Amino acid sequence: MTTYIAYVDGACPNNGKPNAKAGWGAYITNPEGKTLKLASPVPRDQPQTNNRAELLAAVEALKRCNKPMPITLYSDSQLVVKGANEWLPNWKANGWKKSDKKPVEHRDLWEQIDQFIQQREVTFIWVGGHTGNPGNEEADTLACLGASGECFHEMTVASTTR
């Protein structure tokens, strides 16, 4: 394998309500076959929304892919995938405004995603949520852990036996 594979997800119980608590998760396999599992709550001083969690998961996963190799990022969020693949160039060209002239939400995270896209070969692929995809299911479990307030970081070395 000569690419990073990252599955990312966000979770936000009570999304849209005052007691919402968001978290993100990422399940990353590096080119050597090592896996990294990450989970964390969205910082309390940031919007506690599912969209924020989804985008934060993507940013945090991209930050961990530190070797100059391509990255394939899987997400069950249409916002993340379509935003990166389709909408981002127009947002930038329009001064970070959407087609309805409203400001792009979570611009700080989109700017970071844009930086990664400019510097690296990043492919964003949509995957259906809760369909049994092992990487997506792992990212979902980690995101739920983050939304419950837990931080998690685990590196697993690839098995040498086949």
C-alpha atoms as a PDB file:
ATOM      1  CA  MET A   1       0.000   0.000   0.000  1.00  0.00           C
ATOM      2  CA  THR A   2       1.374   3.408  -0.937  1.00  0.00           C
ATOM      3  CA  THR A   3      -1.394   5.565   0.445  1.00  0.00           C
ATOM      4  CA  TYR A   4      -2.984   6.505   3.714  1.00  0.00           C
ATOM      5  CA  ILE A   5      -6.540   5.242   4.203  1.00  0.00           C
ATOM      6  CA  ALA A   6      -8.625   7.277   6.650  1.00  0.00           C
ATOM      7  CA  TYR A   7     -12.197   6.699   7.745  1.00  0.00           C
ATOM      8  CA  VAL A   8     -13.690   9.642   9.618  1.00  0.00           C
ATOM      9  CA  ASP A   9     -16.975  10.315  11.351  1.00  0.00           C
ATOM     10  CA  GLY A  10     -18.677  12.780  13.627  1.00  0.00           C
ATOM     11  CA  ALA A  11     -21.389  12.254  16.209  1.00  0.00           C
ATOM     12  CA  CYS A  12     -23.598  14.668  18.071  1.00  0.00           C
ATOM     13  CA  PRO A  13     -26.331  13.394  20.359  1.00  0.00           C
ATOM     14  CA  ASN A  14     -29.014  16.068  20.695  1.00  0.00           C
ATOM     15  CA  ASN A  15     -27.736  17.840  17.566  1.00  0.00           C
ATOM     16  CA  GLY A  16     -29.380  21.258  17.299  1.00  0.00           C
ATOM     17  CA  LYS A  17     -30.365  21.385  20.967  1.00  0.00           C
ATOM     18  CA  PRO A  18     -28.738  23.339  23.822  1.00  0.00           C
ATOM     19  CA  ASN A  19     -27.445  20.148  25.482  1.00  0.00           C
ATOM     20  CA  ALA A  20     -25.736  18.825  22.323  1.00  0.00           C
ATOM     21  CA  LYS A  21     -22.282  17.284  22.782  1.00  0.00           C
ATOM     22  CA  ALA A  22     -20.291  16.524  19.656  1.00  0.00           C
ATOM     23  CA  GLY A  23     -17.318  14.260  19.088  1.00  0.00           C
ATOM     24  CA  TRP A  24     -15.218  12.976  16.235  1.00  0.00           C
ATOM     25  CA  GLY A  25     -13.438   9.759  15.386  1.00  0.00           C
ATOM     26  CA  ALA A  26     -10.838   8.657  12.863  1.00  0.00           C
ATOM     27  CA  TYR A  27      -9.514   5.257  11.872  1.00  0.00           C
ATOM     28  CA  ILE A  28      -6.327   5.598   9.825  1.00  0.00           C
ATOM     29  CA  THR A  29      -4.095   3.011   8.184  1.00  0.00           C
ATOM     30  CA  ASN A  30      -0.683   4.251   7.118  1.00  0.00           C
ATOM     31  CA  PRO A  31       1.342   2.940   4.147  1.00  0.00           C
ATOM     32  CA  GLU A  32       3.212   0.495   6.410  1.00  0.00           C
ATOM     33  CA  GLY A  33      -0.070  -1.039   7.591  1.00  0.00           C
ATOM     34  CA  LYS A  34      -0.073   0.468  11.086  1.00  0.00           C
ATOM     35  CA  THR A  35      -3.454   1.664  12.297  1.00  0.00           C
ATOM     36  CA  LEU A  36      -4.261   4.681  14.395  1.00  0.00           C
ATOM     37  CA  LYS A  37      -7.579   5.073  16.198  1.00  0.00           C
ATOM     38  CA  LEU A  38      -8.477   8.537  17.441  1.00  0.00           C
ATOM     39  CA  ALA A  39     -11.469   9.987  19.251  1.00  0.00           C
ATOM     40  CA  SER A  40     -12.087  13.272  20.986  1.00  0.00           C
ATOM     41  CA  PRO A  41     -14.923  15.592  21.925  1.00  0.00           C
ATOM     42  CA  VAL A  42     -15.358  18.779  19.927  1.00  0.00           C
ATOM     43  CA  PRO A  43     -13.843  21.479  22.172  1.00  0.00           C
ATOM     44  CA  ARG A  44     -16.508  23.074  24.375  1.00  0.00           C
ATOM     45  CA  ASP A  45     -15.790  26.563  23.001  1.00  0.00           C
ATOM     46  CA  GLN A  46     -16.719  25.405  19.478  1.00  0.00           C
ATOM     47  CA  PRO A  47     -20.195  24.769  18.040  1.00  0.00           C
ATOM     48  CA  GLN A  48     -21.506  21.405  19.247  1.00  0.00           C
ATOM     49  CA  THR A  49     -22.921  20.211  15.941  1.00  0.00           C
ATOM     50  CA  ASN A  50     -22.689  17.090  13.860  1.00  0.00           C
ATOM     51  CA  ASN A  51     -21.298  19.043  10.900  1.00  0.00           C
ATOM     52  CA  ARG A  52     -18.522  20.526  13.030  1.00  0.00           C
ATOM     53  CA  ALA A  53     -17.650  17.047  14.308  1.00  0.00           C
ATOM     54  CA  GLU A  54     -17.585  15.581  10.775  1.00  0.00           C
ATOM     55  CA  LEU A  55     -15.253  18.313   9.518  1.00  0.00           C
ATOM     56  CA  LEU A  56     -13.040  18.172  12.597  1.00  0.00           C
ATOM     57  CA  ALA A  57     -12.643  14.419  12.083  1.00  0.00           C
ATOM     58  CA  ALA A  58     -11.418  15.041   8.537  1.00  0.00           C
ATOM     59  CA  VAL A  59      -8.975  17.764   9.615  1.00  0.00           C
ATOM     60  CA  GLU A  60      -7.579  15.719  12.494  1.00  0.00           C
ATOM     61  CA  ALA A  61      -7.142  12.646  10.281  1.00  0.00           C
ATOM     62  CA  LEU A  62      -5.361  14.655   7.589  1.00  0.00           C
ATOM     63  CA  LYS A  63      -3.001  16.120  10.211  1.00  0.00           C
ATOM     64  CA  ARG A  64      -1.906  12.595  11.188  1.00  0.00           C
ATOM     65  CA  CYS A  65      -0.981  11.624   7.614  1.00  0.00           C
ATOM     66  CA  ASN A  66       2.462  13.148   7.835  1.00  0.00           C
ATOM     67  CA  LYS A  67       4.399  11.320   5.107  1.00  0.00           C
ATOM     68  CA  PRO A  68       4.293  12.772   1.573  1.00  0.00           C
ATOM     69  CA  MET A  69       2.000  10.072   0.211  1.00  0.00           C
ATOM     70  CA  PRO A  70      -1.537  10.179  -1.176  1.00  0.00           C
ATOM     71  CA  ILE A  71      -4.460  10.105   1.245  1.00  0.00           C
ATOM     72  CA  THR A  72      -7.829   8.475   0.613  1.00  0.00           C
ATOM     73  CA  LEU A  73     -10.373   9.781   3.081  1.00  0.00           C
ATOM     74  CA  TYR A  74     -13.735   8.023   3.476  1.00  0.00           C
ATOM     75  CA  SER A  75     -16.667   9.785   5.107  1.00  0.00           C
ATOM     76  CA  ASP A  76     -20.384   9.142   5.378  1.00  0.00           C
ATOM     77  CA  SER A  77     -20.906  12.917   5.404  1.00  0.00           C
ATOM     78  CA  GLN A  78     -22.077  14.426   2.114  1.00  0.00           C
ATOM     79  CA  LEU A  79     -21.000  17.802   3.521  1.00  0.00           C
ATOM     80  CA  VAL A  80     -17.378  16.672   3.866  1.00  0.00           C
ATOM     81  CA  VAL A  81     -17.162  14.823   0.552  1.00  0.00           C
ATOM     82  CA  LYS A  82     -19.151  17.188  -1.670  1.00  0.00           C
ATOM     83  CA  GLY A  83     -17.670  20.195   0.089  1.00  0.00           C
ATOM     84  CA  ALA A  84     -14.128  19.041  -0.640  1.00  0.00           C
ATOM     85  CA  ASN A  85     -14.799  17.627  -4.106  1.00  0.00           C
ATOM     86  CA  GLU A  86     -17.299  20.125  -5.533  1.00  0.00           C
ATOM     87  CA  TRP A  87     -18.076  23.229  -3.495  1.00  0.00           C
ATOM     88  CA  LEU A  88     -14.740  24.389  -2.101  1.00  0.00           C
ATOM     89  CA  PRO A  89     -13.388  26.093  -5.265  1.00  0.00           C
ATOM     90  CA  ASN A  90     -16.549  28.187  -5.648  1.00  0.00           C
ATOM     91  CA  TRP A  91     -16.614  29.104  -1.971  1.00  0.00           C
ATOM     92  CA  LYS A  92     -13.060  30.400  -2.205  1.00  0.00           C
ATOM     93  CA  ALA A  93     -13.735  32.243  -5.478  1.00  0.00           C
ATOM     94  CA  ASN A  94     -16.807  33.882  -3.903  1.00  0.00           C
ATOM     95  CA  GLY A  95     -15.003  35.118  -0.795  1.00  0.00           C
ATOM     96  CA  TRP A  96     -16.101  32.136   1.341  1.00  0.00           C
ATOM     97  CA  LYS A  97     -19.746  32.671   0.539  1.00  0.00           C
ATOM     98  CA  LYS A  98     -22.180  29.965  -0.584  1.00  0.00           C
ATOM     99  CA  SER A  99     -24.345  30.279  -3.699  1.00  0.00           C
ATOM    100  CA  ASP A 100     -27.065  31.880  -1.537  1.00  0.00           C
ATOM    101  CA  LYS A 101     -24.517  34.546  -0.495  1.00  0.00           C
ATOM    102  CA  LYS A 102     -24.453  33.305   3.116  1.00  0.00           C
ATOM    103  CA  PRO A 103     -21.042  32.764   4.736  1.00  0.00           C
ATOM    104  CA  VAL A 104     -19.624  29.241   4.639  1.00  0.00           C
ATOM    105  CA  GLU A 105     -20.084  27.655   8.058  1.00  0.00           C
ATOM    106  CA  HIS A 106     -16.974  26.269   9.763  1.00  0.00           C
ATOM    107  CA  ARG A 107     -14.727  28.256   7.440  1.00  0.00           C
ATOM    108  CA  ASP A 108     -11.765  27.712   9.767  1.00  0.00           C
ATOM    109  CA  LEU A 109     -11.941  23.951   9.182  1.00  0.00           C
ATOM    110  CA  TRP A 110     -12.594  24.298   5.451  1.00  0.00           C
ATOM    111  CA  GLU A 111      -9.503  26.480   5.133  1.00  0.00           C
ATOM    112  CA  GLN A 112      -7.446  23.750   6.800  1.00  0.00           C
ATOM    113  CA  ILE A 113      -8.924  21.086   4.506  1.00  0.00           C
ATOM    114  CA  ASP A 114      -8.135  23.339   1.536  1.00  0.00           C
ATOM    115  CA  GLN A 115      -4.504  23.627   2.687  1.00  0.00           C
ATOM    116  CA  PHE A 116      -4.180  19.836   2.729  1.00  0.00           C
ATOM    117  CA  ILE A 117      -5.743  19.577  -0.732  1.00  0.00           C
ATOM    118  CA  GLN A 118      -3.286  22.187  -2.053  1.00  0.00           C
ATOM    119  CA  GLN A 119      -0.260  20.435  -0.560  1.00  0.00           C
ATOM    120  CA  ARG A 120      -1.138  16.743  -0.934  1.00  0.00           C
ATOM    121  CA  GLU A 121      -2.989  14.318  -3.147  1.00  0.00           C
ATOM    122  CA  VAL A 122      -6.195  13.836  -1.152  1.00  0.00           C
ATOM    123  CA  THR A 123      -9.156  11.851  -2.458  1.00  0.00           C
ATOM    124  CA  PHE A 124     -12.491  12.213  -0.657  1.00  0.00           C
ATOM    125  CA  ILE A 125     -14.896   9.283  -1.080  1.00  0.00           C
ATOM    126  CA  TRP A 126     -18.423   9.017   0.267  1.00  0.00           C
ATOM    127  CA  VAL A 127     -19.392   5.771   1.971  1.00  0.00           C
ATOM    128  CA  GLY A 128     -22.850   4.947   3.261  1.00  0.00           C
ATOM    129  CA  GLY A 129     -23.163   5.134   7.033  1.00  0.00           C
ATOM    130  CA  HIS A 130     -24.254   2.150   9.094  1.00  0.00           C
ATOM    131  CA  THR A 131     -23.991  -0.248   6.152  1.00  0.00           C
ATOM    132  CA  GLY A 132     -21.465  -2.642   7.658  1.00  0.00           C
ATOM    133  CA  ASN A 133     -18.321  -1.074   6.164  1.00  0.00           C
ATOM    134  CA  PRO A 134     -15.699  -2.020   8.806  1.00  0.00           C
ATOM    135  CA  GLY A 135     -13.694   1.224   8.539  1.00  0.00           C
ATOM    136  CA  ASN A 136     -16.783   3.408   8.718  1.00  0.00           C
ATOM    137  CA  GLU A 137     -18.214   1.404  11.609  1.00  0.00           C
ATOM    138  CA  GLU A 138     -14.932   1.837  13.512  1.00  0.00           C
ATOM    139  CA  ALA A 139     -14.922   5.588  12.857  1.00  0.00           C
ATOM    140  CA  ASP A 140     -18.554   5.778  14.030  1.00  0.00           C
ATOM    141  CA  THR A 141     -17.729   3.930  17.252  1.00  0.00           C
ATOM    142  CA  LEU A 142     -14.814   6.301  17.860  1.00  0.00           C
ATOM    143  CA  ALA A 143     -16.954   9.384  17.119  1.00  0.00           C
ATOM    144  CA  CYS A 144     -19.554   8.216  19.636  1.00  0.00           C
ATOM    145  CA  LEU A 145     -16.751   7.755  22.174  1.00  0.00           C
ATOM    146  CA  GLY A 146     -15.644  11.341  21.511  1.00  0.00           C
ATOM    147  CA  ALA A 147     -19.210  12.626  21.838  1.00  0.00           C
ATOM    148  CA  SER A 148     -19.425  10.943  25.243  1.00  0.00           C
ATOM    149  CA  GLY A 149     -16.497  13.133  26.324  1.00  0.00           C
ATOM    150  CA  GLU A 150     -13.682  10.610  25.996  1.00  0.00           C
ATOM    151  CA  CYS A 151     -10.343  11.029  24.281  1.00  0.00           C
ATOM    152  CA  PHE A 152      -8.806   7.942  22.723  1.00  0.00           C
ATOM    153  CA  HIS A 153      -5.507   7.343  20.921  1.00  0.00           C
ATOM    154  CA  GLU A 154      -4.259   3.896  19.975  1.00  0.00           C
ATOM    155  CA  MET A 155      -1.574   2.871  17.498  1.00  0.00           C
ATOM    156  CA  THR A 156      -1.479  -0.746  16.342  1.00  0.00           C
ATOM    157  CA  VAL A 157       1.513  -2.192  14.537  1.00  0.00           C
ATOM    158  CA  ALA A 158       0.763  -4.261  11.462  1.00  0.00           C
ATOM    159  CA  SER A 159       0.857  -8.017  11.855  1.00  0.00           C
ATOM    160  CA  THR A 160       3.791  -9.702  10.112  1.00  0.00           C
ATOM    161  CA  THR A 161       1.940 -12.995   9.718  1.00  0.00           C
ATOM    162  CA  ARG A 162      -0.502 -13.608   6.923  1.00  0.00           C
END
